[in-house]
Each structure stands twice: as C-alpha cells, then as structure tokens.
Protein backbone atom coordinates (compact mmCIF):
# COMPACT_ATOMS: atom_id res chain seq x y z
CA MET A 1 102.72 118.35 80.57
CA THR A 2 103.56 115.74 78.00
CA ALA A 3 100.79 114.34 75.84
CA PRO A 4 100.06 110.60 76.09
CA GLU A 5 102.63 108.56 74.23
CA ALA A 6 101.55 106.24 71.45
CA THR A 7 102.12 102.55 72.04
CA SER A 8 100.61 99.32 70.81
CA SER A 9 96.87 99.40 70.13
CA GLU A 10 95.02 96.24 71.10
CA THR A 11 97.36 93.65 72.55
CA PRO A 12 100.75 94.16 74.18
CA ASP A 13 103.69 92.79 72.26
CA ASN A 14 105.43 91.86 75.55
CA PRO A 15 108.78 93.52 74.90
CA VAL A 16 111.66 92.43 77.11
CA ALA A 17 112.56 96.08 77.71
CA PRO A 18 109.62 97.96 79.28
CA ASP A 19 108.45 101.34 78.08
CA HIS A 20 109.35 102.80 81.48
CA SER A 21 111.31 101.67 84.48
CA VAL A 22 108.69 103.01 86.92
CA ALA A 23 105.04 103.88 86.36
CA ILE A 24 103.29 105.93 89.05
CA ILE A 25 99.49 105.96 89.08
CA GLY A 26 98.14 109.27 90.34
CA ALA A 27 99.48 112.85 90.09
CA GLY A 28 98.24 114.12 93.45
CA PHE A 29 100.30 114.46 96.60
CA GLY A 30 101.19 110.75 96.59
CA GLY A 31 102.51 110.76 93.03
CA LEU A 32 104.36 114.01 93.63
CA THR A 33 106.01 112.65 96.77
CA MET A 34 107.15 109.49 94.99
CA ALA A 35 108.47 111.48 92.02
CA LEU A 36 110.48 113.72 94.33
CA GLU A 37 112.02 110.65 95.97
CA LEU A 38 112.88 109.06 92.61
CA ARG A 39 114.52 112.31 91.53
CA ARG A 40 116.51 112.38 94.78
CA LEU A 41 117.70 108.83 94.09
CA GLY A 42 118.73 109.74 90.54
CA ILE A 43 116.02 107.59 88.93
CA GLU A 44 114.72 109.50 85.90
CA ASP A 45 113.00 106.83 83.84
CA PHE A 46 109.56 107.21 85.37
CA VAL A 47 106.13 108.34 84.23
CA ILE A 48 103.09 109.57 86.18
CA TYR A 49 99.66 108.64 84.82
CA ASP A 50 96.55 110.52 85.91
CA ARG A 51 92.97 110.37 84.67
CA LEU A 52 92.47 114.11 85.20
CA ASP A 53 93.64 116.87 82.87
CA GLY A 54 96.44 117.97 85.15
CA VAL A 55 98.20 117.43 88.45
CA GLY A 56 96.71 117.86 91.90
CA GLY A 57 94.49 114.81 92.35
CA THR A 58 91.81 115.57 94.93
CA TRP A 59 92.54 119.27 94.75
CA ARG A 60 91.96 119.36 91.01
CA SER A 61 88.76 117.31 91.00
CA ASN A 62 87.15 118.89 94.07
CA VAL A 63 86.00 122.40 93.19
CA TYR A 64 82.76 122.46 95.17
CA PRO A 65 81.73 125.59 97.12
CA GLY A 66 83.77 126.02 100.27
CA VAL A 67 86.38 123.36 99.49
CA GLY A 68 89.43 123.76 101.69
CA VAL A 69 91.81 122.01 104.07
CA ASP A 70 90.80 120.63 107.46
CA THR A 71 94.41 120.81 108.65
CA PRO A 72 96.51 123.96 109.22
CA ALA A 73 98.33 124.94 106.04
CA HIS A 74 101.70 125.10 107.76
CA LEU A 75 101.42 121.38 108.42
CA TYR A 76 99.64 120.59 105.13
CA GLN A 77 102.82 120.82 103.05
CA TYR A 78 106.20 119.18 102.55
CA ARG A 79 108.99 119.67 105.05
CA ASP A 80 111.43 120.38 102.22
CA HIS A 81 109.08 122.48 100.08
CA MET A 82 107.59 125.02 102.45
CA ASN A 83 105.22 127.71 101.22
CA PRO A 84 105.78 130.92 103.25
CA ASN A 85 102.85 132.69 101.59
CA TRP A 86 99.72 130.88 102.78
CA SER A 87 96.89 133.41 102.93
CA ARG A 88 95.31 131.96 106.07
CA LEU A 89 95.59 129.11 108.53
CA PHE A 90 93.07 126.94 106.64
CA PRO A 91 93.34 127.93 102.96
CA LYS A 92 90.80 127.08 100.27
CA GLY A 93 91.23 124.51 97.53
CA PRO A 94 92.56 126.73 94.71
CA GLU A 95 95.45 127.85 96.92
CA VAL A 96 96.36 124.25 97.75
CA LEU A 97 96.21 123.28 94.06
CA ALA A 98 98.48 126.20 93.20
CA TYR A 99 100.98 124.94 95.79
CA ILE A 100 100.98 121.44 94.28
CA GLU A 101 101.43 122.81 90.76
CA ARG A 102 104.30 124.99 91.93
CA VAL A 103 106.16 122.06 93.51
CA TYR A 104 105.76 120.06 90.29
CA GLN A 105 107.04 122.99 88.23
CA GLU A 106 109.94 123.93 90.48
CA ASN A 107 111.22 120.36 90.42
CA ASN A 108 110.77 119.97 86.65
CA LEU A 109 108.42 117.02 87.09
CA LEU A 110 105.70 118.05 84.64
CA PRO A 111 107.48 116.39 81.67
CA HIS A 112 106.97 113.05 83.46
CA VAL A 113 103.19 113.56 83.81
CA ARG A 114 100.71 111.97 81.40
CA PRO A 115 97.31 113.63 81.95
CA ASN A 116 94.01 112.22 80.71
CA CYS A 117 95.40 108.70 81.07
CA GLU A 118 93.30 106.36 83.14
CA VAL A 119 94.89 103.03 84.02
CA GLN A 120 92.01 100.62 83.41
CA SER A 121 93.82 97.42 84.32
CA ARG A 122 97.27 96.06 85.04
CA SER A 123 98.68 92.56 84.98
CA TRP A 124 102.04 91.00 85.77
CA ASP A 125 103.96 89.37 82.92
CA ASP A 126 106.07 86.77 84.70
CA GLU A 127 107.93 85.77 81.55
CA HIS A 128 109.37 89.22 80.93
CA LYS A 129 109.22 90.48 84.52
CA LEU A 130 107.19 93.61 83.89
CA TRP A 131 103.72 95.09 84.30
CA LYS A 132 101.30 95.62 81.45
CA LEU A 133 99.02 98.58 81.90
CA ARG A 134 95.96 99.16 79.76
CA ILE A 135 95.33 102.86 79.23
CA ASP A 136 92.27 103.63 77.13
CA ASP A 137 92.78 101.68 73.89
CA ARG A 138 96.50 101.05 74.19
CA TRP A 139 99.02 99.18 76.33
CA VAL A 140 102.17 100.40 78.04
CA THR A 141 104.68 98.44 80.09
CA ALA A 142 106.71 99.23 83.17
CA ARG A 143 109.20 97.29 85.25
CA PHE A 144 107.77 98.68 88.50
CA VAL A 145 104.33 100.10 89.30
CA ILE A 146 103.52 102.37 92.24
CA SER A 147 99.91 103.14 93.08
CA ALA A 148 99.62 106.67 94.47
CA ILE A 149 95.84 106.96 94.43
CA GLY A 150 95.55 107.72 98.15
CA PRO A 151 93.23 106.50 100.90
CA LEU A 152 89.98 107.76 99.27
CA PRO A 153 90.42 106.98 95.58
CA GLU A 154 86.84 106.71 94.29
CA ILE A 155 83.45 108.32 94.74
CA LYS A 156 81.11 105.86 96.42
CA PRO A 157 77.99 105.49 94.26
CA PRO A 158 74.90 106.22 96.37
CA ASP A 159 72.54 103.33 96.99
CA LEU A 160 69.34 105.29 96.34
CA GLU A 161 66.35 103.73 94.69
CA GLY A 162 64.97 105.76 91.80
CA LEU A 163 68.06 107.93 91.35
CA ASP A 164 68.03 107.36 87.59
CA ASP A 165 64.46 108.67 87.46
CA TYR A 166 65.34 112.08 88.82
CA ARG A 167 64.96 114.83 86.19
CA GLY A 168 66.73 117.66 87.95
CA THR A 169 70.41 118.56 88.27
CA VAL A 170 72.70 116.20 90.17
CA LEU A 171 75.98 117.41 91.69
CA GLN A 172 78.74 115.57 93.55
CA PRO A 173 81.63 117.11 95.50
CA ALA A 174 84.36 115.41 93.43
CA SER A 175 82.75 116.31 90.08
CA TRP A 176 81.07 119.61 90.83
CA ASP A 177 79.70 121.55 87.83
CA THR A 178 80.67 125.14 88.58
CA SER A 179 78.37 126.41 85.81
CA VAL A 180 75.28 125.47 87.82
CA ASP A 181 73.75 128.53 89.48
CA LEU A 182 72.10 127.62 92.79
CA THR A 183 70.64 131.06 93.43
CA GLY A 184 67.05 130.75 94.58
CA LYS A 185 66.94 127.01 93.85
CA ARG A 186 65.42 124.26 95.97
CA VAL A 187 68.46 122.17 96.90
CA ALA A 188 68.80 118.88 98.75
CA VAL A 189 72.09 117.62 100.19
CA ILE A 190 72.31 113.92 101.02
CA GLY A 191 75.14 113.23 103.44
CA THR A 192 76.82 115.04 106.31
CA GLY A 193 80.46 114.08 105.91
CA ALA A 194 83.49 116.35 105.56
CA SER A 195 82.56 117.65 102.09
CA ALA A 196 78.97 118.38 103.10
CA VAL A 197 80.18 120.28 106.18
CA GLN A 198 81.98 122.67 103.83
CA ILE A 199 79.30 122.84 101.13
CA ILE A 200 76.20 123.41 103.29
CA PRO A 201 77.22 126.72 104.96
CA GLU A 202 78.60 128.00 101.66
CA ILE A 203 75.46 127.53 99.56
CA ALA A 204 72.81 128.18 102.23
CA PRO A 205 72.73 132.01 101.88
CA ALA A 206 72.19 131.77 98.10
CA VAL A 207 69.65 128.99 97.68
CA GLY A 208 65.92 129.40 98.05
CA GLN A 209 65.45 126.31 100.20
CA LEU A 210 68.02 123.82 101.47
CA THR A 211 67.10 120.42 102.88
CA VAL A 212 69.85 118.30 104.43
CA TYR A 213 69.25 114.55 104.67
CA GLN A 214 71.29 113.17 107.54
CA ARG A 215 71.86 109.51 108.27
CA THR A 216 74.63 109.87 110.84
CA PRO A 217 75.47 113.19 112.54
CA ILE A 218 79.07 114.36 112.45
CA TRP A 219 81.34 115.68 115.16
CA VAL A 220 82.61 119.17 114.37
CA THR A 221 85.00 121.31 116.37
CA PRO A 222 85.56 125.08 116.61
CA LYS A 223 87.83 126.45 113.91
CA TRP A 224 90.41 129.18 114.45
CA ASP A 225 91.14 130.43 110.95
CA PRO A 226 92.96 133.77 110.96
CA ALA A 227 94.41 135.41 107.88
CA MET A 228 98.19 135.29 107.85
CA PRO A 229 99.63 138.73 108.65
CA PRO A 230 102.16 139.99 106.05
CA TRP A 231 104.88 140.30 108.68
CA LEU A 232 104.59 136.59 109.53
CA ASN A 233 104.78 135.52 105.90
CA GLU A 234 107.83 137.75 105.51
CA LEU A 235 109.42 136.10 108.55
CA PHE A 236 108.79 132.66 107.02
CA ARG A 237 110.45 133.81 103.78
CA ARG A 238 113.49 135.31 105.49
CA VAL A 239 113.93 132.64 108.18
CA PRO A 240 112.57 129.33 106.78
CA ARG A 241 113.64 127.55 109.96
CA VAL A 242 110.81 129.28 111.84
CA GLN A 243 108.18 127.75 109.59
CA ARG A 244 109.95 124.41 109.77
CA LEU A 245 109.71 124.51 113.57
CA LEU A 246 106.01 125.39 113.28
CA HIS A 247 105.51 122.43 110.95
CA GLU A 248 107.27 120.08 113.37
CA SER A 249 105.28 121.41 116.34
CA LEU A 250 101.96 120.95 114.54
CA ASP A 251 102.97 117.45 113.45
CA SER A 252 103.81 116.55 117.04
CA MET A 253 100.45 117.86 118.22
CA TYR A 254 98.46 116.00 115.57
CA SER A 255 100.52 112.85 116.05
CA LEU A 256 99.79 112.92 119.77
CA THR A 257 96.08 113.13 118.95
CA VAL A 258 96.38 110.04 116.76
CA MET A 259 98.28 108.21 119.49
CA TRP A 260 95.58 109.19 122.00
CA VAL A 261 92.96 107.60 119.72
CA LEU A 262 95.11 104.48 119.37
CA HIS A 263 95.42 104.22 123.18
CA TYR A 264 91.94 105.51 123.91
CA GLN A 265 90.91 102.75 126.30
CA ARG A 266 93.88 103.45 128.56
CA THR A 267 92.77 107.06 129.11
CA PRO A 268 88.95 107.04 129.28
CA ARG A 269 88.93 110.20 131.40
CA ILE A 270 90.40 112.24 128.55
CA GLY A 271 87.67 110.96 126.24
CA ARG A 272 84.99 111.99 128.71
CA MET A 273 86.51 115.45 129.09
CA VAL A 274 86.66 116.00 125.33
CA THR A 275 83.07 114.82 124.91
CA GLN A 276 81.87 117.15 127.66
CA TRP A 277 83.65 120.09 126.00
CA LEU A 278 82.06 119.28 122.65
CA ASP A 279 78.63 118.88 124.23
CA GLU A 280 78.96 122.42 125.57
CA PHE A 281 80.09 123.66 122.16
CA TYR A 282 77.02 122.14 120.48
CA ARG A 283 74.80 123.61 123.22
CA ARG A 284 76.17 127.11 122.61
CA GLU A 285 75.86 126.80 118.84
CA ILE A 286 72.37 125.20 118.82
CA PRO A 287 70.13 126.47 121.64
CA ASN A 288 67.14 124.56 120.26
CA ASP A 289 67.02 121.25 122.14
CA GLU A 290 65.15 119.32 119.45
CA LEU A 291 67.47 120.44 116.66
CA ARG A 292 70.59 119.90 118.76
CA ALA A 293 69.47 116.33 119.56
CA LYS A 294 69.48 115.59 115.82
CA LEU A 295 72.88 117.16 115.18
CA LEU A 296 74.72 115.85 118.25
CA PRO A 297 76.36 112.45 117.61
CA THR A 298 75.66 109.63 120.02
CA TYR A 299 78.77 107.69 119.01
CA THR A 300 82.12 108.19 120.68
CA PHE A 301 84.36 111.03 119.56
CA PRO A 302 86.20 110.57 117.19
CA CYS A 303 84.98 107.28 115.66
CA LYS A 304 84.53 109.08 112.35
CA PRO A 305 86.57 111.90 110.76
CA VAL A 306 86.12 115.24 112.50
CA SER A 307 85.69 118.58 110.72
CA PRO A 308 86.68 121.99 112.11
CA THR A 309 84.05 124.65 111.29
CA ASN A 310 82.45 127.73 112.76
CA ALA A 311 79.56 127.83 110.31
CA TYR A 312 78.07 124.35 109.89
CA LEU A 313 75.95 124.05 113.02
CA GLN A 314 74.62 127.60 112.88
CA THR A 315 73.53 127.11 109.27
CA PHE A 316 70.67 124.95 110.54
CA LEU A 317 69.28 127.98 112.39
CA ARG A 318 68.50 129.69 109.08
CA ASP A 319 64.86 129.94 108.03
CA ASN A 320 65.61 128.44 104.60
CA VAL A 321 67.43 125.35 105.93
CA ASP A 322 65.76 122.14 107.08
CA LEU A 323 67.34 119.03 108.58
CA THR A 324 65.62 115.68 108.16
CA THR A 325 66.74 112.45 109.75
CA ASP A 326 63.98 110.32 108.23
CA SER A 327 65.27 107.54 105.99
CA ILE A 328 64.97 108.08 102.25
CA GLU A 329 62.51 105.71 100.60
CA ARG A 330 63.36 106.69 97.03
CA ILE A 331 64.34 109.47 94.68
CA THR A 332 61.40 110.53 92.52
CA GLU A 333 61.29 112.35 89.20
CA ASN A 334 61.04 115.70 90.94
CA GLY A 335 62.45 115.19 94.41
CA ILE A 336 62.91 112.91 97.42
CA ARG A 337 60.38 110.81 99.30
CA THR A 338 61.14 109.67 102.84
CA VAL A 339 59.73 106.62 104.61
CA ASP A 340 57.10 108.71 106.39
CA GLY A 341 55.55 109.44 102.98
CA THR A 342 56.75 113.05 102.74
CA GLU A 343 57.92 114.05 99.26
CA ARG A 344 59.92 117.25 98.82
CA GLU A 345 60.34 118.68 95.34
CA ILE A 346 63.81 119.97 94.52
CA ASP A 347 65.70 121.57 91.65
CA VAL A 348 69.20 120.35 92.52
CA LEU A 349 70.34 117.16 94.25
CA VAL A 350 73.78 117.15 95.90
CA LEU A 351 75.12 113.66 96.57
CA ALA A 352 77.70 114.02 99.34
CA THR A 353 77.63 110.30 100.08
CA GLY A 354 81.35 109.70 100.54
CA PHE A 355 84.13 107.72 98.96
CA ARG A 356 85.31 104.17 98.55
CA LEU A 357 88.27 103.43 100.77
CA TYR A 358 91.56 102.05 99.50
CA TYR A 359 90.65 98.58 100.82
CA ASP A 360 87.33 98.36 98.91
CA PRO A 361 87.50 95.33 96.56
CA GLN A 362 85.19 97.07 94.09
CA ILE A 363 87.99 99.44 93.13
CA TYR A 364 89.88 96.47 91.74
CA ARG A 365 86.83 94.90 90.16
CA ASP A 366 86.38 98.07 88.15
CA ARG A 367 90.10 98.27 87.32
CA PRO A 368 91.47 94.72 87.63
CA VAL A 369 94.93 94.07 89.03
CA THR A 370 96.43 90.61 88.51
CA GLY A 371 99.74 89.60 90.05
CA ARG A 372 101.88 86.49 90.03
CA ASP A 373 100.23 83.08 89.48
CA GLY A 374 96.81 84.65 88.99
CA PHE A 375 96.82 86.65 92.23
CA ASP A 376 93.70 88.84 92.08
CA MET A 377 93.74 92.02 94.16
CA ALA A 378 89.94 92.30 94.39
CA GLU A 379 89.62 88.74 95.63
CA PHE A 380 92.49 89.21 98.07
CA LEU A 381 90.92 92.31 99.61
CA GLU A 382 87.48 90.73 99.78
CA LYS A 383 88.44 87.39 101.32
CA GLN A 384 91.75 87.84 103.14
CA ARG A 385 92.40 89.62 106.40
CA THR A 386 95.22 92.10 106.12
CA SER A 387 98.69 90.78 105.36
CA THR A 388 101.01 93.52 104.25
CA TYR A 389 104.57 94.69 104.67
CA HIS A 390 104.61 98.21 106.14
CA GLY A 391 101.43 98.86 104.16
CA TYR A 392 103.31 99.14 100.87
CA SER A 393 103.89 95.59 99.61
CA VAL A 394 101.76 92.45 99.31
CA PRO A 395 103.08 88.95 98.59
CA GLY A 396 102.02 87.86 95.12
CA MET A 397 102.49 91.38 93.71
CA PRO A 398 106.08 91.58 92.46
CA ASN A 399 107.51 94.94 91.44
CA SER A 400 104.37 96.60 92.78
CA PHE A 401 103.89 99.04 95.65
CA THR A 402 101.14 101.23 97.04
CA MET A 403 101.66 104.60 98.68
CA PHE A 404 98.79 103.98 101.06
CA GLY A 405 97.82 100.56 102.38
CA ASP A 406 96.91 99.00 105.70
CA TYR A 407 98.37 100.84 108.68
CA GLY A 408 99.35 103.56 106.22
CA TRP A 409 98.37 106.81 107.95
CA THR A 410 101.33 108.32 109.77
CA GLY A 411 101.54 111.73 111.39
CA GLY A 412 99.23 114.68 110.95
CA THR A 413 98.72 114.74 107.19
CA TYR A 414 98.85 112.54 104.11
CA HIS A 415 102.08 114.30 103.11
CA ILE A 416 103.88 112.72 106.04
CA ALA A 417 102.38 109.31 105.33
CA ALA A 418 103.41 109.65 101.69
CA GLU A 419 106.94 110.73 102.58
CA VAL A 420 107.38 107.65 104.78
CA ALA A 421 106.01 105.43 102.01
CA ALA A 422 108.30 107.01 99.39
CA THR A 423 111.34 106.47 101.60
CA HIS A 424 110.51 102.77 102.00
CA ILE A 425 109.70 102.19 98.32
CA GLY A 426 112.69 104.24 97.20
CA ARG A 427 115.05 102.06 99.22
CA VAL A 428 113.70 98.94 97.53
CA LEU A 429 113.98 100.44 94.05
CA ALA A 430 117.52 101.67 94.72
CA GLU A 431 118.53 98.20 95.93
CA ALA A 432 116.94 96.61 92.86
CA GLU A 433 118.95 98.95 90.66
CA ARG A 434 122.15 98.19 92.58
CA ARG A 435 121.60 94.45 92.15
CA ASP A 436 120.29 94.77 88.60
CA ALA A 437 117.18 92.93 89.82
CA ILE A 438 114.07 92.80 87.67
CA ASP A 439 111.84 90.71 89.94
CA VAL A 440 111.33 92.02 93.47
CA GLU A 441 108.74 90.62 95.86
CA VAL A 442 108.22 90.85 99.60
CA ARG A 443 108.59 87.57 101.47
CA GLN A 444 105.35 86.05 102.76
CA ALA A 445 106.83 85.43 106.20
CA ALA A 446 108.04 89.02 106.47
CA ALA A 447 104.61 90.39 105.63
CA GLU A 448 102.85 88.12 108.10
CA GLU A 449 105.33 88.90 110.88
CA TRP A 450 105.14 92.68 110.37
CA THR A 451 101.35 92.64 110.21
CA ALA A 452 101.07 90.58 113.40
CA LYS A 453 103.49 92.85 115.29
CA THR A 454 101.67 95.98 114.16
CA ALA A 455 98.22 94.62 114.95
CA ALA A 456 99.44 93.75 118.44
CA LEU A 457 99.98 97.47 119.09
CA THR A 458 96.29 98.36 118.72
CA PRO A 459 94.28 96.44 121.36
CA ASN A 460 93.59 99.59 123.37
CA SER A 461 92.57 101.78 120.43
CA LEU A 462 89.18 103.46 120.20
CA PHE A 463 88.29 101.19 117.28
CA GLU A 464 89.00 97.89 119.00
CA GLY A 465 86.46 98.21 121.79
CA GLY A 466 83.35 97.92 119.64
CA THR A 467 82.39 101.55 120.32
CA CYS A 468 82.59 102.50 116.63
CA ASP A 469 81.05 99.38 115.08
CA SER A 470 77.71 101.03 114.30
CA THR A 471 79.14 104.14 112.66
CA ASN A 472 80.32 102.68 109.34
CA THR A 473 83.63 104.39 110.02
CA GLN A 474 86.37 104.41 107.42
CA TYR A 475 88.87 103.45 110.11
CA ILE A 476 87.54 99.87 110.26
CA ASN A 477 87.60 97.68 107.15
CA HIS A 478 84.99 95.12 106.10
CA HIS A 479 86.86 92.42 108.05
CA GLY A 480 86.39 94.40 111.26
CA GLN A 481 90.05 95.39 111.47
CA SER A 482 91.19 98.89 112.42
CA VAL A 483 94.00 99.15 109.90
CA PHE A 484 93.86 102.80 108.84
CA TYR A 485 96.32 104.29 111.32
CA ARG A 486 99.89 103.12 111.92
CA PRO A 487 100.17 102.72 115.70
CA VAL A 488 103.59 104.37 116.07
CA ARG A 489 104.82 107.94 116.24
CA THR A 490 106.01 109.77 113.12
CA ARG A 491 109.67 109.59 114.17
CA ARG A 492 109.44 105.82 114.59
CA ALA A 493 107.72 105.39 111.22
CA ARG A 494 110.41 107.42 109.47
CA ALA A 495 113.15 105.44 111.18
CA ASP A 496 111.51 102.15 110.18
CA ALA A 497 111.33 103.27 106.55
CA GLN A 498 115.05 104.02 106.59
CA SER A 499 116.14 100.83 108.36
CA PHE A 500 113.81 97.89 107.57
CA PRO A 501 115.78 94.80 106.47
CA LEU A 502 116.10 94.75 102.70
CA GLY A 503 116.41 90.99 103.09
CA ASP A 504 112.66 90.94 103.69
CA TYR A 505 112.40 91.29 99.94
CA ILE A 506 113.48 88.74 97.32
CA PHE A 507 115.59 90.32 94.58
CA ALA A 508 115.90 88.20 91.42
CA GLY A 509 118.15 89.07 88.50
CA ARG A 510 117.80 88.68 84.79
C-alpha cells in the first residue's frame, strides 16, 4: 500500500485542479466495492483513505475471540469474485479478512489505498468546485468524495458512571488487545449484542469467573456450521456456476426474510409460528425456568439483529458464568456496583455496548462535514427527517455520495447493498465525466419524491407498528423512522440503480 502523500500543511491553497478526482473514505467492503466499480468504468484517478493500517475495515479492527460472520460465507462475498475455498459455512474473521485482501490484490487496488489516514473533516469549496479533506495535519482535495464507512461506523461510548475510575483492564470488541491473557481472570462483559454473543462462549472456558451484565436479551437462532468438504470446494473451483447459483439462492432466501419483516403486519401468523419455534429452542437449551426467563426476549422477533449460535445460551449453564439483569449504578475502581448495592470485583472489563449508526449526528460532530451554503451534516441528521435520493445523495452536498444511507440495506449482505450503491454512484460519475461536469448535486424535488415513495412502502413493516419502540433497535432512527431497510427486492434495487433518471441530478460545467 502506498504511504500517505505529502500535501499542504496547515491551510489548503485551494488549487483549481484537485489532488484526486475521487476520494473514497474507508477501505472495507464498501470502499472495495466502489473501487471495483470505478475500475470497471475506467476511472483510475481515485484514492482510498482509511484510518487503520491496512484494508478490511471491520474485519481488520475486530479481532476479538470468536469473531466471525453471521451470514453463510457463500453469500458473504461478491458475485464476481467468488471464493471456492471457504473452510466452513460460517468462517471466522481472519478468513474473511484474507478474502478482502485477496480481492484488493488481485484487482491491483492496493496502490490506491492510503492507510493510517483518518479524514477528520471535509468541506465543500464552492469557488473551485471541490472538497477539502483534512487528514491529520495536512489537507488534500478531491473533486468527488464517497463515504464508504458502512452502517456501523463508530464504537458507541458507554454511558457508565465511574468508568474512568476503573483500574483494571478494559477491552472493546472493535479494539481488542490480543496480548491480554484472560486465563483464570475475573471478567465482566457489559452488553449482549452480536459481538458479545460471539465473545462470551469463546472466553468462558478459560476465565476464572465471567459475569454478563444484560440490559436487553437477544434473540439467537440455531446455527448449522459444517466444515466444507474438499470435494465441494473442488466442485466450486471447477464449476464456478454452481457456487454462483448457491449465492443467488441464499440471497433470495435472505431477501425473502427481509421482505417478510417489511410486511410483517400482513402475515401475523408467520410471526407467531416463528416465535413459538424459538420459544421451544430456548426451552431446550435452558431447562432452568428462572434463567430462561432472563434470557428470553419479550420483544417481537426480530426487532433487533439476530445472531445464529449453538453455544451462547448453554454458556450460562456453566458454574463459572453468572447473568445479572440488575441495572449498573456505577463502575468502581475495582469492579461494578449494581443498583441493588452489590459490588463485584473484576480483573477485566469488556465493553460490548454497540456502535453508533450511520445516522447518528455525533459522527459528524466529531468529524465535521460542511456542504454548500453552510449545509451542516450533523445538524441535518439531528433536526431533519430523512430526505435522500436512493440513500446515496443529499441535497446541499454536491459531488458527495455515501455507500450506505437511509433505506440502504438491500439483499442478504452488505456486499449486495454496496454493489447497488456503487452502480448508482458510478452512473453519476460516468455521466459527470461525459459532460465534463465539476458540480453535481441531486435535485431537492427528486430527493423528496423518492423518499416519500419509498416510505409509503413500509406501513406494514414490523417497525411501523410500535412493537419495537422500546428495544432501542438500530432499525429505527432518532426521528422514529424505520429507514434501515430498502423495502424492495434485490432485483428491483439493482434495476433501479441501473435505470434511475440521470436528470434527477444537476450537472454543471466549468
């Protein structure tokens, strides 16, 4: 990977010609997808900035015990860059990272990557029609900027009184210190989300005592995770079409699940049947009525993300594992005190308290983004209900796109959502190049019309009936809108990306 380029030090000199035609922020799956699309379009003047020391995004930063995919590997990949050699149906993190690195290498994209470069702010220069990006102590400029930071871009700082007073070791899933030996230690895990579901069963056999602090229980499902037989991997290598068909079949299955959630209120019987099945699963896994009552969610399935696992529930049957649902009063110097006055001393504190979502205004307070005429992204997200064009463009933000915005999740995995986004954004960039346009902005009316039409497709979704309001689900933003999922099938989303009217954008020349 190329080392960071040297540019101006303190203030940008506002050159008419930008340093790069396109700047991509993030070298995970989103950045990789966009780079592949730019390469396909013949656009080579692009750069990919990432704050980590290499590519991979989430799969580089998350190295906690048990990290792995929650989606079958044969779906968790690109249609045009299949890996026939997955070791099992749900591979672990290092294998996924190796896949990402291989796709970067095979497509000669690493020379475009600038590691250890955190974009701290960006602002639109309307005079010269370019973006100014502050990276550490220097400025770079780009004609177009594409944010590829994904739906969960930042760790959410825990709101725990006394945390700074704690004298022991603190670990977080996205910044795990692999040098810390947990053997025989007294460990507390705060949180029961997707990362915790993977961490808890993995560390329980090694630690001396494990206490899990649960605020909201999580729905988990049985996990079928066989190793891939050599003959099947060989078949995938020799006849790639077979794996492609498997990918398409899995996408159809997962897409149907999403569509069921988005039309949940039309088929209440299915919801009741699924809940009954899961109730029986929890009953088999946890015979103890009192313990099962703590672990079994009371909110509707699946208001919150669901994790497949065969180990999580049974971990709480171990003699060295305790589950507490009492609220935490504060973190002390040596442990955790709950509201009932109980203080438990610990050696290691694991904060699995989740992430900020893409729509969290704080992300843009920490790293300001200023568009045309003083448009402030943090203020827009805080005060305005959604108004977006296909989730990728916002009026007031010329020459700027995001790989994941409102109504952004399409299909079974983020890869599919990112591919749809890259197709849309690529069409706009190609048209700008054809017209020699240097100022491209979505029309306000187009954004409002598309948002209204899309929102009208969700009145029967699980999230619109008030069932999930108390769960603090990521699928509902702080305005009470369920804007995470795009309420159309994958085929429709791909067709829309290939056929939306380019006239919905304003293309201005030099």
